[in-house]
Each structure stands twice: as structure tokens, then as C-alpha cells.
Amino acid sequence: RILHGDKGYDSDAIRRQVEGIGAMPNIPPRSNRRWKNCFSPALYRDRNAIERMFCRLKDFRRIATRYDRLATNFLAAVSIAAAVSYWL
């Protein structure tokens, strides 16, 4: 299992926490870091698809502002928005 994150999440504490749950962090190192951690740009490209999916879902105002108070209603709205945005 691999966790993709952007440069804002590049800290030793987050890396240790991710490794503690058994995943490998794939986070690009910040430019001011002295010791650069291992990072795979090829695997990091997969993160773009996830970002585009969330941007598409946030186009629906009901999802972006979380109108629904109950988790089941919110999940239903996300499911409908995902079906509509990927079906069309």
C-alpha cells in the first residue's frame, strides 16, 4: 500500500505515522529539506486522477458545502454526483 501526498505533508512525523500503519509514503521532498527521502514520480502521477475526481465532485454545490447533516444522506448525494459526472 502506498500513500500519495503533496509537499505540504512532507514531515518526519507524518512519514513515521504512515510507516507505522504499514504503508509506504510517496511524498515529494520540500526544497529546503537537507536529506531527501525516496520518491517515485511515476507513482505520484496516479495522484492526479484522484485530484481530478475530487474536483469533479466539488462542482456539485451540495457536496462542496455539505448541506446534508446525516452521513447516509451525504453518501447518497456523493454517489449520485459521481454517477452523474462520470456517466455524462
PDB file of N, CA and C in Angstrom:
ATOM      1  N   ARG A   1       0.839  -1.175   0.000  1.00  0.00           N
ATOM      2  CA  ARG A   1       0.000   0.000   0.000  1.00  0.00           C
ATOM      3  C   ARG A   1       0.879   1.232   0.000  1.00  0.00           C
ATOM      4  N   ILE A   2       0.475   2.198  -0.799  1.00  0.00           N
ATOM      5  CA  ILE A   2       1.246   3.425  -0.965  1.00  0.00           C
ATOM      6  C   ILE A   2       0.340   4.617  -0.676  1.00  0.00           C
ATOM      7  N   LEU A   3       0.838   5.571   0.093  1.00  0.00           N
ATOM      8  CA  LEU A   3       0.109   6.800   0.379  1.00  0.00           C
ATOM      9  C   LEU A   3       0.754   7.932  -0.402  1.00  0.00           C
ATOM     10  N   HIS A   4      -0.037   8.566  -1.280  1.00  0.00           N
ATOM     11  CA  HIS A   4       0.449   9.702  -2.058  1.00  0.00           C
ATOM     12  C   HIS A   4       0.061  10.981  -1.333  1.00  0.00           C
ATOM     13  N   GLY A   5       0.970  11.919  -1.242  1.00  0.00           N
ATOM     14  CA  GLY A   5       0.696  13.206  -0.620  1.00  0.00           C
ATOM     15  C   GLY A   5       1.496  14.294  -1.309  1.00  0.00           C
ATOM     16  N   ASP A   6       1.090  15.543  -1.120  1.00  0.00           N
ATOM     17  CA  ASP A   6       1.848  16.615  -1.749  1.00  0.00           C
ATOM     18  C   ASP A   6       2.899  17.147  -0.785  1.00  0.00           C
ATOM     19  N   LYS A   7       3.639  18.147  -1.218  1.00  0.00           N
ATOM     20  CA  LYS A   7       4.781  18.638  -0.451  1.00  0.00           C
ATOM     21  C   LYS A   7       4.398  19.201   0.911  1.00  0.00           C
ATOM     22  N   GLY A   8       3.160  19.608   1.066  1.00  0.00           N
ATOM     23  CA  GLY A   8       2.711  20.143   2.343  1.00  0.00           C
ATOM     24  C   GLY A   8       2.717  19.110   3.455  1.00  0.00           C
ATOM     25  N   TYR A   9       2.687  17.842   3.102  1.00  0.00           N
ATOM     26  CA  TYR A   9       2.671  16.760   4.083  1.00  0.00           C
ATOM     27  C   TYR A   9       4.046  16.127   4.267  1.00  0.00           C
ATOM     28  N   ASP A  10       5.077  16.792   3.823  1.00  0.00           N
ATOM     29  CA  ASP A  10       6.424  16.250   3.945  1.00  0.00           C
ATOM     30  C   ASP A  10       7.011  16.605   5.305  1.00  0.00           C
ATOM     31  N   SER A  11       6.753  15.758   6.288  1.00  0.00           N
ATOM     32  CA  SER A  11       7.377  15.924   7.607  1.00  0.00           C
ATOM     33  C   SER A  11       7.731  14.532   8.129  1.00  0.00           C
ATOM     34  N   ASP A  12       8.707  14.494   8.998  1.00  0.00           N
ATOM     35  CA  ASP A  12       9.146  13.210   9.542  1.00  0.00           C
ATOM     36  C   ASP A  12       8.049  12.552  10.372  1.00  0.00           C
ATOM     37  N   ALA A  13       7.251  13.347  11.088  1.00  0.00           N
ATOM     38  CA  ALA A  13       6.185  12.799  11.923  1.00  0.00           C
ATOM     39  C   ALA A  13       5.125  12.099  11.073  1.00  0.00           C
ATOM     40  N   ILE A  14       4.747  12.715   9.968  1.00  0.00           N
ATOM     41  CA  ILE A  14       3.736  12.105   9.093  1.00  0.00           C
ATOM     42  C   ILE A  14       4.294  10.854   8.434  1.00  0.00           C
ATOM     43  N   ARG A  15       5.537  10.912   8.021  1.00  0.00           N
ATOM     44  CA  ARG A  15       6.161   9.733   7.405  1.00  0.00           C
ATOM     45  C   ARG A  15       6.210   8.559   8.385  1.00  0.00           C
ATOM     46  N   ARG A  16       6.575   8.822   9.638  1.00  0.00           N
ATOM     47  CA  ARG A  16       6.616   7.755  10.643  1.00  0.00           C
ATOM     48  C   ARG A  16       5.229   7.186  10.900  1.00  0.00           C
ATOM     49  N   GLN A  17       4.223   8.047  10.945  1.00  0.00           N
ATOM     50  CA  GLN A  17       2.857   7.600  11.185  1.00  0.00           C
ATOM     51  C   GLN A  17       2.366   6.715  10.042  1.00  0.00           C
ATOM     52  N   VAL A  18       2.671   7.088   8.808  1.00  0.00           N
ATOM     53  CA  VAL A  18       2.263   6.289   7.648  1.00  0.00           C
ATOM     54  C   VAL A  18       2.985   4.941   7.653  1.00  0.00           C
ATOM     55  N   GLU A  19       4.272   4.959   7.951  1.00  0.00           N
ATOM     56  CA  GLU A  19       5.024   3.707   8.006  1.00  0.00           C
ATOM     57  C   GLU A  19       4.564   2.844   9.171  1.00  0.00           C
ATOM     58  N   GLY A  20       4.055   3.455  10.237  1.00  0.00           N
ATOM     59  CA  GLY A  20       3.555   2.711  11.385  1.00  0.00           C
ATOM     60  C   GLY A  20       2.314   1.894  11.074  1.00  0.00           C
ATOM     61  N   ILE A  21       1.513   2.347  10.113  1.00  0.00           N
ATOM     62  CA  ILE A  21       0.321   1.581   9.751  1.00  0.00           C
ATOM     63  C   ILE A  21       0.604   0.590   8.627  1.00  0.00           C
ATOM     64  N   GLY A  22       1.849   0.531   8.184  1.00  0.00           N
ATOM     65  CA  GLY A  22       2.238  -0.465   7.195  1.00  0.00           C
ATOM     66  C   GLY A  22       2.188   0.002   5.761  1.00  0.00           C
ATOM     67  N   ALA A  23       2.107   1.292   5.529  1.00  0.00           N
ATOM     68  CA  ALA A  23       2.073   1.829   4.171  1.00  0.00           C
ATOM     69  C   ALA A  23       3.398   2.522   3.864  1.00  0.00           C
ATOM     70  N   MET A  24       3.634   2.746   2.580  1.00  0.00           N
ATOM     71  CA  MET A  24       4.843   3.437   2.160  1.00  0.00           C
ATOM     72  C   MET A  24       4.468   4.854   1.718  1.00  0.00           C
ATOM     73  N   PRO A  25       5.044   5.895   2.322  1.00  0.00           N
ATOM     74  CA  PRO A  25       4.710   7.257   1.891  1.00  0.00           C
ATOM     75  C   PRO A  25       5.433   7.627   0.601  1.00  0.00           C
ATOM     76  N   ASN A  26       4.696   8.143  -0.347  1.00  0.00           N
ATOM     77  CA  ASN A  26       5.268   8.632  -1.596  1.00  0.00           C
ATOM     78  C   ASN A  26       4.969  10.134  -1.666  1.00  0.00           C
ATOM     79  N   ILE A  27       5.789  10.908  -0.971  1.00  0.00           N
ATOM     80  CA  ILE A  27       5.596  12.346  -0.838  1.00  0.00           C
ATOM     81  C   ILE A  27       6.842  13.038  -1.385  1.00  0.00           C
ATOM     82  N   PRO A  28       6.689  13.977  -2.321  1.00  0.00           N
ATOM     83  CA  PRO A  28       7.882  14.659  -2.837  1.00  0.00           C
ATOM     84  C   PRO A  28       8.533  15.501  -1.737  1.00  0.00           C
ATOM     85  N   PRO A  29       9.845  15.516  -1.668  1.00  0.00           N
ATOM     86  CA  PRO A  29      10.518  16.288  -0.615  1.00  0.00           C
ATOM     87  C   PRO A  29      10.438  17.786  -0.884  1.00  0.00           C
ATOM     88  N   ARG A  30      10.323  18.555   0.180  1.00  0.00           N
ATOM     89  CA  ARG A  30      10.348  20.012   0.046  1.00  0.00           C
ATOM     90  C   ARG A  30      11.751  20.450  -0.378  1.00  0.00           C
ATOM     91  N   SER A  31      11.835  21.610  -0.965  1.00  0.00           N
ATOM     92  CA  SER A  31      13.124  22.065  -1.497  1.00  0.00           C
ATOM     93  C   SER A  31      14.121  22.414  -0.387  1.00  0.00           C
ATOM     94  N   ASN A  32      13.640  22.736   0.811  1.00  0.00           N
ATOM     95  CA  ASN A  32      14.546  23.113   1.884  1.00  0.00           C
ATOM     96  C   ASN A  32      14.962  21.940   2.767  1.00  0.00           C
ATOM     97  N   ARG A  33      14.623  20.717   2.382  1.00  0.00           N
ATOM     98  CA  ARG A  33      14.994  19.532   3.155  1.00  0.00           C
ATOM     99  C   ARG A  33      16.450  19.181   2.903  1.00  0.00           C
ATOM    100  N   ARG A  34      17.185  18.884   3.964  1.00  0.00           N
ATOM    101  CA  ARG A  34      18.594  18.507   3.793  1.00  0.00           C
ATOM    102  C   ARG A  34      18.725  17.087   3.277  1.00  0.00           C
ATOM    103  N   TRP A  35      17.959  16.176   3.882  1.00  0.00           N
ATOM    104  CA  TRP A  35      18.017  14.777   3.463  1.00  0.00           C
ATOM    105  C   TRP A  35      16.755  14.476   2.662  1.00  0.00           C
ATOM    106  N   LYS A  36      16.940  14.144   1.394  1.00  0.00           N
ATOM    107  CA  LYS A  36      15.805  13.876   0.512  1.00  0.00           C
ATOM    108  C   LYS A  36      15.382  12.419   0.660  1.00  0.00           C
ATOM    109  N   ASN A  37      14.111  12.211   0.971  1.00  0.00           N
ATOM    110  CA  ASN A  37      13.570  10.860   1.086  1.00  0.00           C
ATOM    111  C   ASN A  37      13.345  10.267  -0.296  1.00  0.00           C
ATOM    112  N   CYS A  38      13.203   8.957  -0.345  1.00  0.00           N
ATOM    113  CA  CYS A  38      12.956   8.321  -1.636  1.00  0.00           C
ATOM    114  C   CYS A  38      11.558   8.715  -2.125  1.00  0.00           C
ATOM    115  N   PHE A  39      11.445   8.934  -3.414  1.00  0.00           N
ATOM    116  CA  PHE A  39      10.220   9.425  -4.028  1.00  0.00           C
ATOM    117  C   PHE A  39      10.151   8.917  -5.456  1.00  0.00           C
ATOM    118  N   SER A  40       8.984   8.424  -5.864  1.00  0.00           N
ATOM    119  CA  SER A  40       8.808   7.905  -7.215  1.00  0.00           C
ATOM    120  C   SER A  40       7.862   8.808  -8.007  1.00  0.00           C
ATOM    121  N   PRO A  41       8.371   9.570  -8.968  1.00  0.00           N
ATOM    122  CA  PRO A  41       7.496  10.421  -9.772  1.00  0.00           C
ATOM    123  C   PRO A  41       6.496   9.619 -10.598  1.00  0.00           C
ATOM    124  N   ALA A  42       6.868   8.413 -11.009  1.00  0.00           N
ATOM    125  CA  ALA A  42       5.942   7.592 -11.809  1.00  0.00           C
ATOM    126  C   ALA A  42       4.709   7.207 -10.998  1.00  0.00           C
ATOM    127  N   LEU A  43       4.908   6.842  -9.742  1.00  0.00           N
ATOM    128  CA  LEU A  43       3.768   6.503  -8.888  1.00  0.00           C
ATOM    129  C   LEU A  43       2.975   7.746  -8.493  1.00  0.00           C
ATOM    130  N   TYR A  44       3.648   8.886  -8.395  1.00  0.00           N
ATOM    131  CA  TYR A  44       3.000  10.129  -7.980  1.00  0.00           C
ATOM    132  C   TYR A  44       2.018  10.626  -9.032  1.00  0.00           C
ATOM    133  N   ARG A  45       2.206  10.243 -10.273  1.00  0.00           N
ATOM    134  CA  ARG A  45       1.293  10.666 -11.337  1.00  0.00           C
ATOM    135  C   ARG A  45      -0.115  10.125 -11.130  1.00  0.00           C
ATOM    136  N   ASP A  46      -0.252   9.003 -10.431  1.00  0.00           N
ATOM    137  CA  ASP A  46      -1.575   8.443 -10.157  1.00  0.00           C
ATOM    138  C   ASP A  46      -2.403   9.374  -9.268  1.00  0.00           C
ATOM    139  N   ARG A  47      -1.740  10.188  -8.487  1.00  0.00           N
ATOM    140  CA  ARG A  47      -2.427  11.106  -7.592  1.00  0.00           C
ATOM    141  C   ARG A  47      -3.260  12.121  -8.372  1.00  0.00           C
ATOM    142  N   ASN A  48      -2.861  12.444  -9.575  1.00  0.00           N
ATOM    143  CA  ASN A  48      -3.581  13.410 -10.399  1.00  0.00           C
ATOM    144  C   ASN A  48      -5.006  12.937 -10.687  1.00  0.00           C
ATOM    145  N   ALA A  49      -5.191  11.665 -10.928  1.00  0.00           N
ATOM    146  CA  ALA A  49      -6.536  11.142 -11.190  1.00  0.00           C
ATOM    147  C   ALA A  49      -7.438  11.314  -9.976  1.00  0.00           C
ATOM    148  N   ILE A  50      -6.882  11.130  -8.794  1.00  0.00           N
ATOM    149  CA  ILE A  50      -7.661  11.292  -7.570  1.00  0.00           C
ATOM    150  C   ILE A  50      -8.040  12.761  -7.379  1.00  0.00           C
ATOM    151  N   GLU A  51      -7.099  13.670  -7.634  1.00  0.00           N
ATOM    152  CA  GLU A  51      -7.373  15.096  -7.512  1.00  0.00           C
ATOM    153  C   GLU A  51      -8.471  15.534  -8.482  1.00  0.00           C
ATOM    154  N   ARG A  52      -8.417  15.039  -9.713  1.00  0.00           N
ATOM    155  CA  ARG A  52      -9.453  15.397 -10.693  1.00  0.00           C
ATOM    156  C   ARG A  52     -10.816  14.878 -10.278  1.00  0.00           C
ATOM    157  N   MET A  53     -10.865  13.678  -9.665  1.00  0.00           N
ATOM    158  CA  MET A  53     -12.135  13.128  -9.219  1.00  0.00           C
ATOM    159  C   MET A  53     -12.757  14.015  -8.139  1.00  0.00           C
ATOM    160  N   PHE A  54     -11.952  14.454  -7.161  1.00  0.00           N
ATOM    161  CA  PHE A  54     -12.476  15.308  -6.106  1.00  0.00           C
ATOM    162  C   PHE A  54     -12.912  16.665  -6.653  1.00  0.00           C
ATOM    163  N   CYS A  55     -12.183  17.207  -7.620  1.00  0.00           N
ATOM    164  CA  CYS A  55     -12.588  18.479  -8.226  1.00  0.00           C
ATOM    165  C   CYS A  55     -13.915  18.348  -8.955  1.00  0.00           C
ATOM    166  N   ARG A  56     -14.117  17.232  -9.615  1.00  0.00           N
ATOM    167  CA  ARG A  56     -15.387  16.996 -10.295  1.00  0.00           C
ATOM    168  C   ARG A  56     -16.538  16.893  -9.313  1.00  0.00           C
ATOM    169  N   LEU A  57     -16.318  16.227  -8.200  1.00  0.00           N
ATOM    170  CA  LEU A  57     -17.375  16.105  -7.201  1.00  0.00           C
ATOM    171  C   LEU A  57     -17.677  17.440  -6.530  1.00  0.00           C
ATOM    172  N   LYS A  58     -16.661  18.279  -6.360  1.00  0.00           N
ATOM    173  CA  LYS A  58     -16.876  19.567  -5.720  1.00  0.00           C
ATOM    174  C   LYS A  58     -17.581  20.561  -6.617  1.00  0.00           C
ATOM    175  N   ASP A  59     -17.766  20.238  -7.899  1.00  0.00           N
ATOM    176  CA  ASP A  59     -18.567  21.082  -8.774  1.00  0.00           C
ATOM    177  C   ASP A  59     -20.025  21.083  -8.348  1.00  0.00           C
ATOM    178  N   PHE A  60     -20.437  20.052  -7.646  1.00  0.00           N
ATOM    179  CA  PHE A  60     -21.792  19.977  -7.129  1.00  0.00           C
ATOM    180  C   PHE A  60     -21.821  20.731  -5.800  1.00  0.00           C
ATOM    181  N   ARG A  61     -22.616  21.778  -5.742  1.00  0.00           N
ATOM    182  CA  ARG A  61     -22.617  22.642  -4.568  1.00  0.00           C
ATOM    183  C   ARG A  61     -23.033  21.898  -3.309  1.00  0.00           C
ATOM    184  N   ARG A  62     -23.939  20.969  -3.447  1.00  0.00           N
ATOM    185  CA  ARG A  62     -24.423  20.205  -2.298  1.00  0.00           C
ATOM    186  C   ARG A  62     -23.289  19.398  -1.655  1.00  0.00           C
ATOM    187  N   ILE A  63     -22.372  18.913  -2.471  1.00  0.00           N
ATOM    188  CA  ILE A  63     -21.238  18.128  -1.965  1.00  0.00           C
ATOM    189  C   ILE A  63     -20.189  19.057  -1.349  1.00  0.00           C
ATOM    190  N   ALA A  64     -19.884  20.149  -2.041  1.00  0.00           N
ATOM    191  CA  ALA A  64     -18.807  21.038  -1.601  1.00  0.00           C
ATOM    192  C   ALA A  64     -19.130  21.716  -0.269  1.00  0.00           C
ATOM    193  N   THR A  65     -20.394  22.069  -0.046  1.00  0.00           N
ATOM    194  CA  THR A  65     -20.756  22.776   1.179  1.00  0.00           C
ATOM    195  C   THR A  65     -21.337  21.860   2.248  1.00  0.00           C
ATOM    196  N   ARG A  66     -21.515  20.609   1.912  1.00  0.00           N
ATOM    197  CA  ARG A  66     -22.039  19.600   2.843  1.00  0.00           C
ATOM    198  C   ARG A  66     -23.357  20.051   3.469  1.00  0.00           C
ATOM    199  N   TYR A  67     -24.384  20.144   2.614  1.00  0.00           N
ATOM    200  CA  TYR A  67     -25.715  20.509   3.088  1.00  0.00           C
ATOM    201  C   TYR A  67     -26.306  19.432   3.994  1.00  0.00           C
ATOM    202  N   ASP A  68     -26.053  18.186   3.665  1.00  0.00           N
ATOM    203  CA  ASP A  68     -26.657  17.079   4.409  1.00  0.00           C
ATOM    204  C   ASP A  68     -25.964  16.895   5.752  1.00  0.00           C
ATOM    205  N   ARG A  69     -26.749  16.731   6.791  1.00  0.00           N
ATOM    206  CA  ARG A  69     -26.191  16.547   8.129  1.00  0.00           C
ATOM    207  C   ARG A  69     -25.908  15.079   8.427  1.00  0.00           C
ATOM    208  N   LEU A  70     -26.711  14.191   7.908  1.00  0.00           N
ATOM    209  CA  LEU A  70     -26.523  12.766   8.163  1.00  0.00           C
ATOM    210  C   LEU A  70     -25.525  12.162   7.181  1.00  0.00           C
ATOM    211  N   ALA A  71     -24.714  11.259   7.675  1.00  0.00           N
ATOM    212  CA  ALA A  71     -23.683  10.637   6.832  1.00  0.00           C
ATOM    213  C   ALA A  71     -24.305   9.820   5.708  1.00  0.00           C
ATOM    214  N   THR A  72     -25.430   9.170   5.972  1.00  0.00           N
ATOM    215  CA  THR A  72     -26.061   8.352   4.925  1.00  0.00           C
ATOM    216  C   THR A  72     -26.587   9.228   3.794  1.00  0.00           C
ATOM    217  N   ASN A  73     -27.160  10.385   4.129  1.00  0.00           N
ATOM    218  CA  ASN A  73     -27.651  11.292   3.088  1.00  0.00           C
ATOM    219  C   ASN A  73     -26.500  11.882   2.284  1.00  0.00           C
ATOM    220  N   PHE A  74     -25.407  12.210   2.967  1.00  0.00           N
ATOM    221  CA  PHE A  74     -24.238  12.756   2.275  1.00  0.00           C
ATOM    222  C   PHE A  74     -23.630  11.717   1.337  1.00  0.00           C
ATOM    223  N   LEU A  75     -23.549  10.469   1.799  1.00  0.00           N
ATOM    224  CA  LEU A  75     -23.018   9.396   0.949  1.00  0.00           C
ATOM    225  C   LEU A  75     -23.910   9.184  -0.262  1.00  0.00           C
ATOM    226  N   ALA A  76     -25.211   9.282  -0.076  1.00  0.00           N
ATOM    227  CA  ALA A  76     -26.134   9.141  -1.201  1.00  0.00           C
ATOM    228  C   ALA A  76     -25.928  10.275  -2.211  1.00  0.00           C
ATOM    229  N   ALA A  77     -25.748  11.495  -1.718  1.00  0.00           N
ATOM    230  CA  ALA A  77     -25.517  12.630  -2.619  1.00  0.00           C
ATOM    231  C   ALA A  77     -24.205  12.475  -3.369  1.00  0.00           C
ATOM    232  N   VAL A  78     -23.157  11.996  -2.702  1.00  0.00           N
ATOM    233  CA  VAL A  78     -21.872  11.764  -3.367  1.00  0.00           C
ATOM    234  C   VAL A  78     -22.009  10.682  -4.424  1.00  0.00           C
ATOM    235  N   SER A  79     -22.742   9.636  -4.111  1.00  0.00           N
ATOM    236  CA  SER A  79     -22.947   8.544  -5.068  1.00  0.00           C
ATOM    237  C   SER A  79     -23.690   9.035  -6.309  1.00  0.00           C
ATOM    238  N   ILE A  80     -24.717   9.824  -6.108  1.00  0.00           N
ATOM    239  CA  ILE A  80     -25.478  10.350  -7.240  1.00  0.00           C
ATOM    240  C   ILE A  80     -24.610  11.307  -8.062  1.00  0.00           C
ATOM    241  N   ALA A  81     -23.860  12.170  -7.392  1.00  0.00           N
ATOM    242  CA  ALA A  81     -22.986  13.111  -8.108  1.00  0.00           C
ATOM    243  C   ALA A  81     -21.917  12.369  -8.899  1.00  0.00           C
ATOM    244  N   ALA A  82     -21.356  11.306  -8.311  1.00  0.00           N
ATOM    245  CA  ALA A  82     -20.343  10.530  -9.025  1.00  0.00           C
ATOM    246  C   ALA A  82     -20.947   9.834 -10.235  1.00  0.00           C
ATOM    247  N   ALA A  83     -22.147   9.288 -10.080  1.00  0.00           N
ATOM    248  CA  ALA A  83     -22.799   8.611 -11.198  1.00  0.00           C
ATOM    249  C   ALA A  83     -23.104   9.590 -12.320  1.00  0.00           C
ATOM    250  N   VAL A  84     -23.571  10.768 -11.970  1.00  0.00           N
ATOM    251  CA  VAL A  84     -23.926  11.770 -12.987  1.00  0.00           C
ATOM    252  C   VAL A  84     -22.654  12.295 -13.673  1.00  0.00           C
ATOM    253  N   SER A  85     -21.626  12.620 -12.892  1.00  0.00           N
ATOM    254  CA  SER A  85     -20.437  13.230 -13.504  1.00  0.00           C
ATOM    255  C   SER A  85     -19.630  12.252 -14.346  1.00  0.00           C
ATOM    256  N   TYR A  86     -19.649  10.982 -13.997  1.00  0.00           N
ATOM    257  CA  TYR A  86     -18.878  10.013 -14.779  1.00  0.00           C
ATOM    258  C   TYR A  86     -19.709   9.320 -15.847  1.00  0.00           C
ATOM    259  N   TRP A  87     -21.017   9.463 -15.769  1.00  0.00           N
ATOM    260  CA  TRP A  87     -21.872   8.857 -16.781  1.00  0.00           C
ATOM    261  C   TRP A  87     -21.950   9.780 -17.991  1.00  0.00           C
ATOM    262  N   LEU A  88     -21.935  11.086 -17.734  1.00  0.00           N
ATOM    263  CA  LEU A  88     -22.077  12.053 -18.843  1.00  0.00           C
ATOM    264  C   LEU A  88     -20.765  12.357 -19.488  1.00  0.00           C
TER     265      LEU A  88
END
